[in-house]
């Protein structure tokens, strides 16, 4: 998850946007594993 720069530090003001970026990052990780 450290490859995703926005997740390295908590820059977001709203927890919903932080949660969305975590979902996006995990989706990218899962897609890389499936490929």
Foldseek 3Di string as FASTA:
>chain_A
DVVDPCQVDPPDPDVVVVVVVVVVVVVVVVVVVVD
